[in-house]
All heavy atoms as atom14 arrays in JSON, in Angstrom:
{
  "sequence": "GTVPLSLATADTAAVRIAFAPPAAGRYTALLTVTSDDPDEPTR",
  "atom14_mask": [
    [1, 1, 1, 1, 0, 0, 0, 0, 0, 0, 0, 0, 0, 0],
    [1, 1, 1, 1, 1, 1, 1, 0, 0, 0, 0, 0, 0, 0],
    [1, 1, 1, 1, 1, 1, 1, 0, 0, 0, 0, 0, 0, 0],
    [1, 1, 1, 1, 1, 1, 1, 0, 0, 0, 0, 0, 0, 0],
    [1, 1, 1, 1, 1, 1, 1, 1, 0, 0, 0, 0, 0, 0],
    [1, 1, 1, 1, 1, 1, 0, 0, 0, 0, 0, 0, 0, 0],
    [1, 1, 1, 1, 1, 1, 1, 1, 0, 0, 0, 0, 0, 0],
    [1, 1, 1, 1, 1, 0, 0, 0, 0, 0, 0, 0, 0, 0],
    [1, 1, 1, 1, 1, 1, 1, 0, 0, 0, 0, 0, 0, 0],
    [1, 1, 1, 1, 1, 0, 0, 0, 0, 0, 0, 0, 0, 0],
    [1, 1, 1, 1, 1, 1, 1, 1, 0, 0, 0, 0, 0, 0],
    [1, 1, 1, 1, 1, 1, 1, 0, 0, 0, 0, 0, 0, 0],
    [1, 1, 1, 1, 1, 0, 0, 0, 0, 0, 0, 0, 0, 0],
    [1, 1, 1, 1, 1, 0, 0, 0, 0, 0, 0, 0, 0, 0],
    [1, 1, 1, 1, 1, 1, 1, 0, 0, 0, 0, 0, 0, 0],
    [1, 1, 1, 1, 1, 1, 1, 1, 1, 1, 1, 0, 0, 0],
    [1, 1, 1, 1, 1, 1, 1, 1, 0, 0, 0, 0, 0, 0],
    [1, 1, 1, 1, 1, 0, 0, 0, 0, 0, 0, 0, 0, 0],
    [1, 1, 1, 1, 1, 1, 1, 1, 1, 1, 1, 0, 0, 0],
    [1, 1, 1, 1, 1, 0, 0, 0, 0, 0, 0, 0, 0, 0],
    [1, 1, 1, 1, 1, 1, 1, 0, 0, 0, 0, 0, 0, 0],
    [1, 1, 1, 1, 1, 1, 1, 0, 0, 0, 0, 0, 0, 0],
    [1, 1, 1, 1, 1, 0, 0, 0, 0, 0, 0, 0, 0, 0],
    [1, 1, 1, 1, 1, 0, 0, 0, 0, 0, 0, 0, 0, 0],
    [1, 1, 1, 1, 0, 0, 0, 0, 0, 0, 0, 0, 0, 0],
    [1, 1, 1, 1, 1, 1, 1, 1, 1, 1, 1, 0, 0, 0],
    [1, 1, 1, 1, 1, 1, 1, 1, 1, 1, 1, 1, 0, 0],
    [1, 1, 1, 1, 1, 1, 1, 0, 0, 0, 0, 0, 0, 0],
    [1, 1, 1, 1, 1, 0, 0, 0, 0, 0, 0, 0, 0, 0],
    [1, 1, 1, 1, 1, 1, 1, 1, 0, 0, 0, 0, 0, 0],
    [1, 1, 1, 1, 1, 1, 1, 1, 0, 0, 0, 0, 0, 0],
    [1, 1, 1, 1, 1, 1, 1, 0, 0, 0, 0, 0, 0, 0],
    [1, 1, 1, 1, 1, 1, 1, 0, 0, 0, 0, 0, 0, 0],
    [1, 1, 1, 1, 1, 1, 1, 0, 0, 0, 0, 0, 0, 0],
    [1, 1, 1, 1, 1, 1, 0, 0, 0, 0, 0, 0, 0, 0],
    [1, 1, 1, 1, 1, 1, 1, 1, 0, 0, 0, 0, 0, 0],
    [1, 1, 1, 1, 1, 1, 1, 1, 0, 0, 0, 0, 0, 0],
    [1, 1, 1, 1, 1, 1, 1, 0, 0, 0, 0, 0, 0, 0],
    [1, 1, 1, 1, 1, 1, 1, 1, 0, 0, 0, 0, 0, 0],
    [1, 1, 1, 1, 1, 1, 1, 1, 1, 0, 0, 0, 0, 0],
    [1, 1, 1, 1, 1, 1, 1, 0, 0, 0, 0, 0, 0, 0],
    [1, 1, 1, 1, 1, 1, 1, 0, 0, 0, 0, 0, 0, 0],
    [1, 1, 1, 1, 1, 1, 1, 1, 1, 1, 1, 0, 0, 0]
  ],
  "atom14_positions": [
    [[0.78, -1.29, 0.06], [-0.02, -0.04, -0.01], [0.77, 1.28, 0.05], [0.2, 2.33, 0.0], [0.0, 0.0, 0.0], [0.0, 0.0, 0.0], [0.0, 0.0, 0.0], [0.0, 0.0, 0.0], [0.0, 0.0, 0.0], [0.0, 0.0, 0.0], [0.0, 0.0, 0.0], [0.0, 0.0, 0.0], [0.0, 0.0, 0.0], [0.0, 0.0, 0.0]],
    [[2.11, 1.3, 0.13], [3.03, 2.45, 0.14], [3.24, 2.9, -1.2], [3.85, 4.0, -1.28], [4.33, 2.12, 0.93], [5.01, 1.03, 0.14], [4.07, 1.66, 2.4], [0.0, 0.0, 0.0], [0.0, 0.0, 0.0], [0.0, 0.0, 0.0], [0.0, 0.0, 0.0], [0.0, 0.0, 0.0], [0.0, 0.0, 0.0], [0.0, 0.0, 0.0]],
    [[2.97, 2.25, -2.41], [3.34, 2.6, -3.67], [2.04, 3.06, -4.22], [0.99, 2.56, -4.17], [3.84, 1.43, -4.52], [4.14, 1.85, -5.97], [5.12, 0.94, -3.79], [0.0, 0.0, 0.0], [0.0, 0.0, 0.0], [0.0, 0.0, 0.0], [0.0, 0.0, 0.0], [0.0, 0.0, 0.0], [0.0, 0.0, 0.0], [0.0, 0.0, 0.0]],
    [[2.03, 4.19, -5.03], [3.23, 5.04, -5.4], [3.74, 5.95, -4.17], [2.99, 6.18, -3.3], [2.67, 5.84, -6.54], [1.23, 6.1, -6.26], [0.79, 4.69, -5.81], [0.0, 0.0, 0.0], [0.0, 0.0, 0.0], [0.0, 0.0, 0.0], [0.0, 0.0, 0.0], [0.0, 0.0, 0.0], [0.0, 0.0, 0.0], [0.0, 0.0, 0.0]],
    [[5.02, 6.26, -4.38], [5.6, 7.16, -3.43], [6.53, 8.07, -3.98], [6.98, 7.87, -5.12], [6.27, 6.29, -2.19], [7.3, 5.28, -2.55], [8.7, 6.0, -2.62], [7.43, 4.24, -1.65], [0.0, 0.0, 0.0], [0.0, 0.0, 0.0], [0.0, 0.0, 0.0], [0.0, 0.0, 0.0], [0.0, 0.0, 0.0], [0.0, 0.0, 0.0]],
    [[6.85, 9.25, -3.36], [7.71, 10.23, -3.86], [8.84, 10.47, -2.97], [8.73, 10.7, -1.61], [6.96, 11.63, -4.1], [5.89, 11.37, -5.0], [0.0, 0.0, 0.0], [0.0, 0.0, 0.0], [0.0, 0.0, 0.0], [0.0, 0.0, 0.0], [0.0, 0.0, 0.0], [0.0, 0.0, 0.0], [0.0, 0.0, 0.0], [0.0, 0.0, 0.0]],
    [[10.09, 10.73, -3.5], [11.24, 10.95, -2.72], [11.92, 12.15, -3.19], [12.27, 12.35, -4.39], [12.14, 9.7, -2.74], [11.73, 8.33, -2.39], [12.75, 7.36, -2.62], [11.43, 8.43, -0.8], [0.0, 0.0, 0.0], [0.0, 0.0, 0.0], [0.0, 0.0, 0.0], [0.0, 0.0, 0.0], [0.0, 0.0, 0.0], [0.0, 0.0, 0.0]],
    [[12.27, 13.17, -2.23], [13.0, 14.3, -2.68], [14.51, 13.88, -2.71], [14.93, 12.79, -2.43], [12.83, 15.48, -1.55], [0.0, 0.0, 0.0], [0.0, 0.0, 0.0], [0.0, 0.0, 0.0], [0.0, 0.0, 0.0], [0.0, 0.0, 0.0], [0.0, 0.0, 0.0], [0.0, 0.0, 0.0], [0.0, 0.0, 0.0], [0.0, 0.0, 0.0]],
    [[15.35, 14.79, -3.12], [16.82, 14.59, -3.16], [17.36, 14.12, -1.89], [17.17, 14.58, -0.75], [17.53, 15.88, -3.59], [17.07, 16.3, -4.76], [19.03, 15.59, -3.73], [0.0, 0.0, 0.0], [0.0, 0.0, 0.0], [0.0, 0.0, 0.0], [0.0, 0.0, 0.0], [0.0, 0.0, 0.0], [0.0, 0.0, 0.0], [0.0, 0.0, 0.0]],
    [[18.07, 12.9, -2.03], [18.7, 12.15, -0.84], [17.75, 11.55, 0.09], [18.16, 11.05, 1.15], [19.73, 13.08, -0.22], [0.0, 0.0, 0.0], [0.0, 0.0, 0.0], [0.0, 0.0, 0.0], [0.0, 0.0, 0.0], [0.0, 0.0, 0.0], [0.0, 0.0, 0.0], [0.0, 0.0, 0.0], [0.0, 0.0, 0.0], [0.0, 0.0, 0.0]],
    [[16.37, 11.61, -0.21], [15.41, 11.04, 0.77], [15.52, 9.51, 0.56], [15.88, 9.08, -0.55], [14.01, 11.53, 0.51], [13.74, 12.8, 1.24], [14.64, 13.29, 2.04], [12.57, 13.34, 1.13], [0.0, 0.0, 0.0], [0.0, 0.0, 0.0], [0.0, 0.0, 0.0], [0.0, 0.0, 0.0], [0.0, 0.0, 0.0], [0.0, 0.0, 0.0]],
    [[14.98, 8.77, 1.63], [15.0, 7.45, 1.54], [13.61, 6.85, 1.97], [12.86, 7.58, 2.67], [16.11, 6.71, 2.46], [15.81, 7.0, 3.76], [17.51, 7.14, 2.16], [0.0, 0.0, 0.0], [0.0, 0.0, 0.0], [0.0, 0.0, 0.0], [0.0, 0.0, 0.0], [0.0, 0.0, 0.0], [0.0, 0.0, 0.0], [0.0, 0.0, 0.0]],
    [[13.2, 5.62, 1.54], [12.0, 5.02, 1.93], [12.35, 3.52, 2.13], [13.03, 2.85, 1.33], [10.94, 5.24, 1.09], [0.0, 0.0, 0.0], [0.0, 0.0, 0.0], [0.0, 0.0, 0.0], [0.0, 0.0, 0.0], [0.0, 0.0, 0.0], [0.0, 0.0, 0.0], [0.0, 0.0, 0.0], [0.0, 0.0, 0.0], [0.0, 0.0, 0.0]],
    [[11.71, 2.91, 3.13], [11.74, 1.5, 3.27], [10.49, 0.73, 3.04], [9.5, 1.19, 3.57], [12.27, 1.18, 4.73], [0.0, 0.0, 0.0], [0.0, 0.0, 0.0], [0.0, 0.0, 0.0], [0.0, 0.0, 0.0], [0.0, 0.0, 0.0], [0.0, 0.0, 0.0], [0.0, 0.0, 0.0], [0.0, 0.0, 0.0], [0.0, 0.0, 0.0]],
    [[10.59, -0.29, 2.18], [9.34, -1.03, 1.79], [9.71, -2.5, 2.13], [10.7, -3.06, 1.56], [9.02, -0.86, 0.28], [7.77, -1.69, -0.12], [8.66, 0.62, -0.08], [0.0, 0.0, 0.0], [0.0, 0.0, 0.0], [0.0, 0.0, 0.0], [0.0, 0.0, 0.0], [0.0, 0.0, 0.0], [0.0, 0.0, 0.0], [0.0, 0.0, 0.0]],
    [[8.87, -3.03, 2.95], [9.19, -4.32, 3.45], [8.64, -5.45, 2.28], [7.6, -5.35, 1.82], [8.56, -4.65, 4.65], [9.04, -3.87, 5.9], [8.32, -4.23, 7.13], [6.98, -3.7, 7.21], [6.17, -3.81, 8.16], [6.46, -4.58, 9.33], [4.97, -3.44, 8.15], [0.0, 0.0, 0.0], [0.0, 0.0, 0.0], [0.0, 0.0, 0.0]],
    [[9.65, -6.38, 2.13], [9.5, -7.38, 1.29], [9.43, -8.78, 2.12], [10.28, -9.0, 2.95], [10.63, -7.55, 0.14], [10.78, -6.25, -0.45], [10.39, -8.64, -0.87], [9.53, -5.74, -1.15], [0.0, 0.0, 0.0], [0.0, 0.0, 0.0], [0.0, 0.0, 0.0], [0.0, 0.0, 0.0], [0.0, 0.0, 0.0], [0.0, 0.0, 0.0]],
    [[8.55, -9.59, 1.76], [8.35, -10.87, 2.55], [8.88, -12.11, 1.76], [8.56, -12.14, 0.65], [6.94, -11.05, 3.0], [0.0, 0.0, 0.0], [0.0, 0.0, 0.0], [0.0, 0.0, 0.0], [0.0, 0.0, 0.0], [0.0, 0.0, 0.0], [0.0, 0.0, 0.0], [0.0, 0.0, 0.0], [0.0, 0.0, 0.0], [0.0, 0.0, 0.0]],
    [[9.33, -13.13, 2.51], [9.59, -14.4, 1.99], [8.9, -15.55, 2.71], [9.05, -15.66, 3.93], [11.1, -14.7, 1.96], [11.49, -16.04, 1.72], [11.06, -16.74, 0.43], [12.4, -16.88, 2.43], [11.44, -18.07, 0.04], [12.95, -18.15, 2.12], [12.34, -18.63, 0.89], [0.0, 0.0, 0.0], [0.0, 0.0, 0.0], [0.0, 0.0, 0.0]],
    [[7.96, -16.12, 2.04], [7.13, -17.18, 2.74], [7.12, -18.42, 1.76], [6.29, -18.54, 0.97], [5.79, -16.66, 2.9], [0.0, 0.0, 0.0], [0.0, 0.0, 0.0], [0.0, 0.0, 0.0], [0.0, 0.0, 0.0], [0.0, 0.0, 0.0], [0.0, 0.0, 0.0], [0.0, 0.0, 0.0], [0.0, 0.0, 0.0], [0.0, 0.0, 0.0]],
    [[8.12, -19.39, 1.98], [8.23, -20.45, 1.12], [7.13, -21.52, 1.26], [6.8, -21.82, 2.41], [9.55, -21.08, 1.53], [9.73, -20.68, 2.93], [9.22, -19.39, 3.1], [0.0, 0.0, 0.0], [0.0, 0.0, 0.0], [0.0, 0.0, 0.0], [0.0, 0.0, 0.0], [0.0, 0.0, 0.0], [0.0, 0.0, 0.0], [0.0, 0.0, 0.0]],
    [[6.51, -21.96, 0.24], [5.32, -22.89, 0.28], [5.77, -24.34, 0.38], [5.0, -25.2, 0.86], [4.66, -22.7, -1.15], [5.78, -22.34, -2.09], [6.62, -21.38, -1.21], [0.0, 0.0, 0.0], [0.0, 0.0, 0.0], [0.0, 0.0, 0.0], [0.0, 0.0, 0.0], [0.0, 0.0, 0.0], [0.0, 0.0, 0.0], [0.0, 0.0, 0.0]],
    [[7.12, -24.57, 0.2], [7.57, -25.88, 0.25], [9.13, -25.79, 0.54], [9.69, -24.88, 0.27], [7.22, -26.68, -0.96], [0.0, 0.0, 0.0], [0.0, 0.0, 0.0], [0.0, 0.0, 0.0], [0.0, 0.0, 0.0], [0.0, 0.0, 0.0], [0.0, 0.0, 0.0], [0.0, 0.0, 0.0], [0.0, 0.0, 0.0], [0.0, 0.0, 0.0]],
    [[9.64, -26.98, 0.86], [11.16, -26.99, 1.21], [11.91, -26.88, -0.1], [11.41, -27.44, -1.14], [11.58, -28.25, 1.85], [0.0, 0.0, 0.0], [0.0, 0.0, 0.0], [0.0, 0.0, 0.0], [0.0, 0.0, 0.0], [0.0, 0.0, 0.0], [0.0, 0.0, 0.0], [0.0, 0.0, 0.0], [0.0, 0.0, 0.0], [0.0, 0.0, 0.0]],
    [[12.95, -26.18, -0.25], [13.75, -25.92, -1.3], [14.33, -24.49, -1.45], [14.08, -23.6, -0.71], [0.0, 0.0, 0.0], [0.0, 0.0, 0.0], [0.0, 0.0, 0.0], [0.0, 0.0, 0.0], [0.0, 0.0, 0.0], [0.0, 0.0, 0.0], [0.0, 0.0, 0.0], [0.0, 0.0, 0.0], [0.0, 0.0, 0.0], [0.0, 0.0, 0.0]],
    [[15.14, -24.34, -2.53], [15.72, -23.1, -2.7], [14.86, -22.26, -3.72], [14.33, -22.65, -4.71], [17.19, -23.25, -3.4], [17.98, -22.05, -3.51], [18.37, -21.52, -2.28], [19.33, -20.3, -2.34], [19.66, -19.53, -1.47], [19.23, -19.8, -0.18], [20.38, -18.48, -1.61], [0.0, 0.0, 0.0], [0.0, 0.0, 0.0], [0.0, 0.0, 0.0]],
    [[14.71, -20.96, -3.37], [13.99, -20.04, -4.24], [14.73, -18.8, -4.57], [15.47, -18.28, -3.81], [12.64, -19.59, -3.42], [11.63, -20.66, -2.99], [11.81, -21.41, -2.0], [10.5, -20.98, -3.95], [10.95, -22.48, -1.6], [9.72, -21.73, -3.65], [9.91, -22.79, -2.5], [8.94, -23.61, -2.25], [0.0, 0.0, 0.0], [0.0, 0.0, 0.0]],
    [[14.55, -18.33, -5.7], [15.12, -17.08, -6.24], [13.99, -16.34, -7.03], [13.04, -16.97, -7.68], [16.28, -17.32, -7.02], [15.94, -18.05, -8.27], [17.43, -17.95, -6.3], [0.0, 0.0, 0.0], [0.0, 0.0, 0.0], [0.0, 0.0, 0.0], [0.0, 0.0, 0.0], [0.0, 0.0, 0.0], [0.0, 0.0, 0.0], [0.0, 0.0, 0.0]],
    [[14.14, -15.1, -7.18], [13.19, -14.26, -7.89], [13.78, -12.84, -8.08], [14.75, -12.42, -7.49], [11.85, -14.09, -7.17], [0.0, 0.0, 0.0], [0.0, 0.0, 0.0], [0.0, 0.0, 0.0], [0.0, 0.0, 0.0], [0.0, 0.0, 0.0], [0.0, 0.0, 0.0], [0.0, 0.0, 0.0], [0.0, 0.0, 0.0], [0.0, 0.0, 0.0]],
    [[13.27, -12.11, -9.16], [13.55, -10.79, -9.36], [12.51, -9.79, -8.8], [11.37, -9.97, -9.22], [13.9, -10.45, -10.75], [15.23, -10.92, -11.38], [15.31, -10.7, -12.85], [16.49, -10.44, -10.53], [0.0, 0.0, 0.0], [0.0, 0.0, 0.0], [0.0, 0.0, 0.0], [0.0, 0.0, 0.0], [0.0, 0.0, 0.0], [0.0, 0.0, 0.0]],
    [[12.83, -8.86, -8.03], [11.89, -7.76, -7.61], [12.15, -6.58, -8.58], [13.29, -6.19, -8.7], [12.15, -7.46, -6.21], [11.25, -6.29, -5.55], [10.99, -6.57, -4.24], [11.92, -4.85, -5.62], [0.0, 0.0, 0.0], [0.0, 0.0, 0.0], [0.0, 0.0, 0.0], [0.0, 0.0, 0.0], [0.0, 0.0, 0.0], [0.0, 0.0, 0.0]],
    [[11.02, -5.98, -9.11], [11.26, -5.01, -10.06], [10.63, -3.63, -9.49], [9.49, -3.71, -9.04], [10.59, -5.35, -11.39], [11.31, -6.45, -11.92], [10.81, -4.13, -12.43], [0.0, 0.0, 0.0], [0.0, 0.0, 0.0], [0.0, 0.0, 0.0], [0.0, 0.0, 0.0], [0.0, 0.0, 0.0], [0.0, 0.0, 0.0], [0.0, 0.0, 0.0]],
    [[11.41, -2.5, -9.58], [10.93, -1.21, -9.3], [10.78, -0.3, -10.43], [11.74, -0.2, -11.14], [11.89, -0.7, -8.04], [11.27, 0.77, -7.72], [12.05, -1.58, -6.95], [0.0, 0.0, 0.0], [0.0, 0.0, 0.0], [0.0, 0.0, 0.0], [0.0, 0.0, 0.0], [0.0, 0.0, 0.0], [0.0, 0.0, 0.0], [0.0, 0.0, 0.0]],
    [[9.67, 0.22, -10.46], [9.43, 1.14, -11.61], [9.33, 2.49, -11.19], [8.65, 2.79, -10.13], [8.06, 0.79, -12.41], [8.18, -0.67, -12.82], [7.78, 1.72, -13.51], [0.0, 0.0, 0.0], [0.0, 0.0, 0.0], [0.0, 0.0, 0.0], [0.0, 0.0, 0.0], [0.0, 0.0, 0.0], [0.0, 0.0, 0.0], [0.0, 0.0, 0.0]],
    [[10.0, 3.41, -11.88], [9.99, 4.9, -11.39], [10.17, 5.83, -12.52], [10.24, 5.4, -13.64], [11.14, 5.11, -10.32], [12.41, 5.04, -11.07], [0.0, 0.0, 0.0], [0.0, 0.0, 0.0], [0.0, 0.0, 0.0], [0.0, 0.0, 0.0], [0.0, 0.0, 0.0], [0.0, 0.0, 0.0], [0.0, 0.0, 0.0], [0.0, 0.0, 0.0]],
    [[10.3, 7.11, -12.26], [10.48, 8.08, -13.33], [11.94, 8.43, -13.46], [12.2, 9.6, -14.03], [9.57, 9.39, -13.2], [9.96, 10.17, -11.93], [10.65, 9.52, -11.0], [9.33, 11.25, -11.73], [0.0, 0.0, 0.0], [0.0, 0.0, 0.0], [0.0, 0.0, 0.0], [0.0, 0.0, 0.0], [0.0, 0.0, 0.0], [0.0, 0.0, 0.0]],
    [[12.85, 7.52, -13.03], [14.25, 7.65, -13.36], [14.57, 7.68, -14.79], [14.21, 6.71, -15.52], [15.05, 6.54, -12.69], [16.6, 6.57, -12.83], [17.04, 7.24, -13.85], [17.29, 5.97, -12.02], [0.0, 0.0, 0.0], [0.0, 0.0, 0.0], [0.0, 0.0, 0.0], [0.0, 0.0, 0.0], [0.0, 0.0, 0.0], [0.0, 0.0, 0.0]],
    [[15.03, 8.83, -15.5], [15.1, 8.96, -16.91], [16.18, 7.95, -17.41], [16.03, 7.61, -18.76], [15.5, 10.37, -17.06], [16.21, 10.74, -15.88], [15.51, 10.03, -14.73], [0.0, 0.0, 0.0], [0.0, 0.0, 0.0], [0.0, 0.0, 0.0], [0.0, 0.0, 0.0], [0.0, 0.0, 0.0], [0.0, 0.0, 0.0], [0.0, 0.0, 0.0]],
    [[17.08, 7.48, -16.63], [18.21, 6.58, -17.22], [17.76, 5.2, -17.07], [18.05, 4.27, -17.96], [19.52, 6.8, -16.48], [20.09, 8.12, -16.76], [19.9, 8.73, -17.96], [20.7, 8.78, -15.93], [0.0, 0.0, 0.0], [0.0, 0.0, 0.0], [0.0, 0.0, 0.0], [0.0, 0.0, 0.0], [0.0, 0.0, 0.0], [0.0, 0.0, 0.0]],
    [[17.22, 4.74, -15.98], [16.59, 3.46, -15.7], [15.31, 3.34, -15.17], [15.12, 3.39, -13.98], [17.67, 2.7, -14.76], [19.01, 2.42, -15.32], [19.86, 1.54, -14.36], [19.86, 0.38, -14.46], [20.57, 2.2, -13.5], [0.0, 0.0, 0.0], [0.0, 0.0, 0.0], [0.0, 0.0, 0.0], [0.0, 0.0, 0.0], [0.0, 0.0, 0.0]],
    [[14.19, 3.39, -15.98], [12.8, 3.37, -15.48], [12.48, 2.23, -14.73], [11.66, 2.25, -13.73], [12.06, 3.56, -16.81], [13.0, 3.98, -17.93], [14.37, 3.47, -17.4], [0.0, 0.0, 0.0], [0.0, 0.0, 0.0], [0.0, 0.0, 0.0], [0.0, 0.0, 0.0], [0.0, 0.0, 0.0], [0.0, 0.0, 0.0], [0.0, 0.0, 0.0]],
    [[13.2, 1.1, -14.85], [13.06, -0.02, -14.15], [14.3, -0.58, -13.65], [15.37, -0.7, -14.47], [12.27, -1.2, -14.91], [13.03, -1.49, -15.99], [10.86, -0.75, -15.37], [0.0, 0.0, 0.0], [0.0, 0.0, 0.0], [0.0, 0.0, 0.0], [0.0, 0.0, 0.0], [0.0, 0.0, 0.0], [0.0, 0.0, 0.0], [0.0, 0.0, 0.0]],
    [[14.39, -0.98, -12.44], [15.54, -1.56, -11.88], [15.19, -2.89, -11.03], [13.99, -2.89, -10.5], [16.32, -0.57, -10.91], [16.93, 0.46, -11.69], [17.92, 1.23, -10.77], [19.06, 0.39, -10.32], [19.86, 0.75, -9.42], [19.85, 1.87, -8.86], [20.98, -0.16, -9.12], [0.0, 0.0, 0.0], [0.0, 0.0, 0.0], [0.0, 0.0, 0.0]]
  ]
}
């Protein structure tokens, strides 16, 4: 619920990410952040 959000110069924000494995084993994933960064709109 914190998105969208706005950050001024040098401001920071913390958004909590959860890991809840459904079964035993190794998991990996990519989290994607979309913004109006003109050089990298997605990171």
